């Protein structure tokens, strides 16, 4: 996360990212977070812009994390 300016970061976005990494689904992440699927999708769009990476690619019915998203998994869990 070294190229992301923390002053520009809404920390709630990291909660969404962590849940997406766990569930690989915007719908499942939304249910677990008590948000709408649309809200999680909008958060993912903001995260993609922030990290300048797609973070997840749709494969079938699931989201597959990119290498960048996977590299964020451990720091998010800590």
N, C-alpha and C. Protein backbone atom coordinates (compact mmCIF):
# COMPACT_ATOMS: atom_id res chain seq x y z
N UNK A 1 0.82 -1.18 0.00
CA UNK A 1 0.00 0.00 0.00
C UNK A 1 0.87 1.25 0.00
N UNK A 2 2.12 1.13 -0.36
CA UNK A 2 3.05 2.24 -0.26
C UNK A 2 2.72 3.39 -1.20
N UNK A 3 2.08 3.14 -2.33
CA UNK A 3 1.79 4.23 -3.25
C UNK A 3 0.39 4.81 -3.05
N UNK A 4 -0.30 4.40 -2.00
CA UNK A 4 -1.62 4.94 -1.67
C UNK A 4 -1.44 5.96 -0.57
N UNK A 5 -2.01 7.13 -0.76
CA UNK A 5 -1.92 8.19 0.23
C UNK A 5 -2.98 7.96 1.30
N UNK A 6 -2.56 7.69 2.51
CA UNK A 6 -3.50 7.36 3.58
C UNK A 6 -4.46 8.50 3.87
N UNK A 7 -4.06 9.71 3.63
CA UNK A 7 -4.97 10.84 3.86
C UNK A 7 -6.18 10.79 2.92
N UNK A 8 -6.00 10.14 1.77
CA UNK A 8 -7.08 10.02 0.79
C UNK A 8 -7.93 8.77 1.00
N UNK A 9 -7.58 7.96 1.96
CA UNK A 9 -8.20 6.65 2.12
C UNK A 9 -9.33 6.66 3.13
N UNK A 10 -10.47 6.20 2.70
CA UNK A 10 -11.61 5.95 3.59
C UNK A 10 -11.37 4.55 4.16
N UNK A 11 -11.09 4.45 5.44
CA UNK A 11 -10.74 3.16 6.04
C UNK A 11 -11.87 2.14 5.92
N UNK A 12 -13.10 2.59 5.75
CA UNK A 12 -14.21 1.65 5.53
C UNK A 12 -14.02 0.86 4.25
N UNK A 13 -13.30 1.43 3.30
CA UNK A 13 -13.03 0.70 2.05
C UNK A 13 -12.17 -0.53 2.32
N UNK A 14 -11.28 -0.43 3.29
CA UNK A 14 -10.43 -1.59 3.61
C UNK A 14 -11.24 -2.72 4.23
N UNK A 15 -12.29 -2.37 4.96
CA UNK A 15 -13.18 -3.40 5.52
C UNK A 15 -13.87 -4.13 4.38
N UNK A 16 -14.30 -3.39 3.38
CA UNK A 16 -14.95 -4.01 2.21
C UNK A 16 -13.94 -4.88 1.47
N UNK A 17 -12.74 -4.37 1.25
CA UNK A 17 -11.72 -5.16 0.55
C UNK A 17 -11.42 -6.45 1.28
N UNK A 18 -11.27 -6.38 2.58
CA UNK A 18 -11.00 -7.61 3.35
C UNK A 18 -12.12 -8.63 3.19
N UNK A 19 -13.35 -8.17 3.21
CA UNK A 19 -14.48 -9.09 3.06
C UNK A 19 -14.55 -9.66 1.65
N UNK A 20 -14.23 -8.85 0.66
CA UNK A 20 -14.20 -9.37 -0.72
C UNK A 20 -13.11 -10.42 -0.87
N UNK A 21 -11.99 -10.22 -0.22
CA UNK A 21 -10.92 -11.23 -0.27
C UNK A 21 -11.35 -12.52 0.41
N UNK A 22 -12.19 -12.43 1.40
CA UNK A 22 -12.67 -13.63 2.11
C UNK A 22 -13.75 -14.36 1.31
N UNK A 23 -14.66 -13.60 0.69
CA UNK A 23 -15.85 -14.22 0.08
C UNK A 23 -15.78 -14.37 -1.42
N UNK A 24 -14.97 -13.56 -2.09
CA UNK A 24 -14.88 -13.54 -3.56
C UNK A 24 -16.24 -13.26 -4.20
N UNK A 25 -17.06 -12.48 -3.53
CA UNK A 25 -18.41 -12.18 -4.02
C UNK A 25 -18.89 -10.85 -3.44
N UNK A 26 -19.38 -9.97 -4.30
CA UNK A 26 -19.92 -8.71 -3.80
C UNK A 26 -21.21 -8.95 -3.02
N UNK A 27 -22.01 -9.90 -3.47
CA UNK A 27 -23.27 -10.20 -2.78
C UNK A 27 -23.01 -10.76 -1.39
N UNK A 28 -22.12 -11.73 -1.28
CA UNK A 28 -21.81 -12.33 0.02
C UNK A 28 -21.14 -11.32 0.95
N UNK A 29 -20.24 -10.52 0.40
CA UNK A 29 -19.58 -9.49 1.21
C UNK A 29 -20.61 -8.51 1.74
N UNK A 30 -21.54 -8.11 0.88
CA UNK A 30 -22.58 -7.17 1.29
C UNK A 30 -23.42 -7.74 2.43
N UNK A 31 -23.81 -8.98 2.31
CA UNK A 31 -24.62 -9.61 3.37
C UNK A 31 -23.86 -9.64 4.69
N UNK A 32 -22.58 -10.01 4.63
CA UNK A 32 -21.78 -10.11 5.85
C UNK A 32 -21.53 -8.75 6.49
N UNK A 33 -21.50 -7.70 5.65
CA UNK A 33 -21.23 -6.36 6.15
C UNK A 33 -22.50 -5.57 6.46
N UNK A 34 -23.65 -6.14 6.12
CA UNK A 34 -24.90 -5.43 6.35
C UNK A 34 -25.09 -4.25 5.41
N UNK A 35 -24.60 -4.39 4.20
CA UNK A 35 -24.70 -3.34 3.18
C UNK A 35 -25.40 -3.92 1.96
N UNK A 36 -25.73 -3.05 1.03
CA UNK A 36 -26.31 -3.53 -0.22
C UNK A 36 -25.20 -3.98 -1.16
N UNK A 37 -25.56 -4.82 -2.10
CA UNK A 37 -24.60 -5.28 -3.11
C UNK A 37 -24.10 -4.07 -3.90
N UNK A 38 -24.99 -3.14 -4.17
CA UNK A 38 -24.62 -1.94 -4.91
C UNK A 38 -23.57 -1.12 -4.15
N UNK A 39 -23.73 -0.99 -2.85
CA UNK A 39 -22.77 -0.24 -2.04
C UNK A 39 -21.39 -0.89 -2.09
N UNK A 40 -21.36 -2.22 -2.04
CA UNK A 40 -20.08 -2.94 -2.09
C UNK A 40 -19.47 -2.78 -3.48
N UNK A 41 -20.27 -2.84 -4.51
CA UNK A 41 -19.76 -2.63 -5.87
C UNK A 41 -19.17 -1.23 -6.04
N UNK A 42 -19.84 -0.23 -5.49
CA UNK A 42 -19.33 1.13 -5.56
C UNK A 42 -18.03 1.26 -4.77
N UNK A 43 -17.96 0.60 -3.63
CA UNK A 43 -16.73 0.62 -2.84
C UNK A 43 -15.59 -0.04 -3.62
N UNK A 44 -15.89 -1.14 -4.30
CA UNK A 44 -14.88 -1.82 -5.11
C UNK A 44 -14.39 -0.89 -6.23
N UNK A 45 -15.29 -0.15 -6.83
CA UNK A 45 -14.89 0.79 -7.88
C UNK A 45 -13.94 1.85 -7.31
N UNK A 46 -14.23 2.34 -6.13
CA UNK A 46 -13.35 3.33 -5.48
C UNK A 46 -11.99 2.71 -5.16
N UNK A 47 -12.00 1.47 -4.67
CA UNK A 47 -10.75 0.78 -4.36
C UNK A 47 -9.92 0.58 -5.62
N UNK A 48 -10.57 0.22 -6.71
CA UNK A 48 -9.85 0.03 -7.98
C UNK A 48 -9.16 1.31 -8.40
N UNK A 49 -9.82 2.44 -8.25
CA UNK A 49 -9.20 3.72 -8.59
C UNK A 49 -8.07 4.07 -7.64
N UNK A 50 -8.28 3.81 -6.38
CA UNK A 50 -7.29 4.13 -5.36
C UNK A 50 -6.00 3.33 -5.55
N UNK A 51 -6.14 2.04 -5.84
CA UNK A 51 -4.98 1.18 -6.00
C UNK A 51 -4.51 1.07 -7.46
N UNK A 52 -5.25 1.70 -8.38
CA UNK A 52 -4.92 1.65 -9.80
C UNK A 52 -4.72 0.21 -10.27
N UNK A 53 -5.68 -0.63 -9.89
CA UNK A 53 -5.63 -2.06 -10.21
C UNK A 53 -7.06 -2.57 -10.20
N UNK A 54 -7.40 -3.54 -11.06
CA UNK A 54 -8.77 -4.07 -11.02
C UNK A 54 -9.10 -4.82 -9.72
N UNK A 55 -8.09 -5.28 -8.99
CA UNK A 55 -8.20 -5.99 -7.72
C UNK A 55 -8.90 -7.34 -7.82
N UNK A 56 -9.99 -7.42 -8.58
CA UNK A 56 -10.71 -8.68 -8.77
C UNK A 56 -11.14 -8.78 -10.22
N UNK A 57 -11.09 -10.00 -10.75
CA UNK A 57 -11.57 -10.27 -12.10
C UNK A 57 -12.69 -11.29 -12.00
N UNK A 58 -13.74 -11.07 -12.76
CA UNK A 58 -14.88 -11.99 -12.72
C UNK A 58 -14.52 -13.25 -13.49
N UNK A 59 -14.67 -14.40 -12.82
CA UNK A 59 -14.47 -15.70 -13.47
C UNK A 59 -15.67 -16.55 -13.08
N UNK A 60 -16.52 -16.81 -14.04
CA UNK A 60 -17.75 -17.54 -13.73
C UNK A 60 -18.60 -16.72 -12.78
N UNK A 61 -19.00 -17.32 -11.69
CA UNK A 61 -19.84 -16.62 -10.72
C UNK A 61 -19.07 -16.03 -9.56
N UNK A 62 -17.75 -16.01 -9.65
CA UNK A 62 -16.94 -15.55 -8.52
C UNK A 62 -15.97 -14.46 -8.97
N UNK A 63 -15.42 -13.77 -8.00
CA UNK A 63 -14.38 -12.78 -8.25
C UNK A 63 -13.04 -13.40 -7.89
N UNK A 64 -12.11 -13.35 -8.82
CA UNK A 64 -10.76 -13.87 -8.58
C UNK A 64 -9.85 -12.69 -8.29
N UNK A 65 -9.18 -12.68 -7.13
CA UNK A 65 -8.30 -11.56 -6.80
C UNK A 65 -7.08 -11.50 -7.71
N UNK A 66 -6.67 -10.29 -8.03
CA UNK A 66 -5.44 -10.09 -8.78
C UNK A 66 -4.27 -10.27 -7.82
N UNK A 67 -3.08 -10.28 -8.38
CA UNK A 67 -1.88 -10.39 -7.54
C UNK A 67 -1.80 -9.23 -6.56
N UNK A 68 -2.20 -8.05 -7.00
CA UNK A 68 -2.18 -6.87 -6.11
C UNK A 68 -3.13 -7.07 -4.94
N UNK A 69 -4.35 -7.55 -5.22
CA UNK A 69 -5.32 -7.79 -4.15
C UNK A 69 -4.79 -8.85 -3.18
N UNK A 70 -4.21 -9.90 -3.72
CA UNK A 70 -3.67 -10.95 -2.85
C UNK A 70 -2.54 -10.42 -1.97
N UNK A 71 -1.75 -9.49 -2.51
CA UNK A 71 -0.65 -8.94 -1.72
C UNK A 71 -1.16 -8.08 -0.57
N UNK A 72 -2.40 -7.62 -0.64
CA UNK A 72 -2.98 -6.81 0.41
C UNK A 72 -3.65 -7.64 1.50
N UNK A 73 -3.87 -8.91 1.23
CA UNK A 73 -4.61 -9.77 2.14
C UNK A 73 -3.95 -9.87 3.52
N UNK A 74 -2.67 -10.18 3.56
CA UNK A 74 -2.00 -10.34 4.85
C UNK A 74 -1.97 -9.05 5.66
N UNK A 75 -1.58 -7.92 5.06
CA UNK A 75 -1.60 -6.67 5.85
C UNK A 75 -3.00 -6.32 6.36
N UNK A 76 -4.02 -6.62 5.60
CA UNK A 76 -5.38 -6.33 6.04
C UNK A 76 -5.78 -7.20 7.23
N UNK A 77 -5.34 -8.43 7.24
CA UNK A 77 -5.68 -9.33 8.35
C UNK A 77 -4.94 -8.94 9.62
N UNK A 78 -3.76 -8.37 9.48
CA UNK A 78 -3.00 -7.93 10.66
C UNK A 78 -3.67 -6.72 11.24
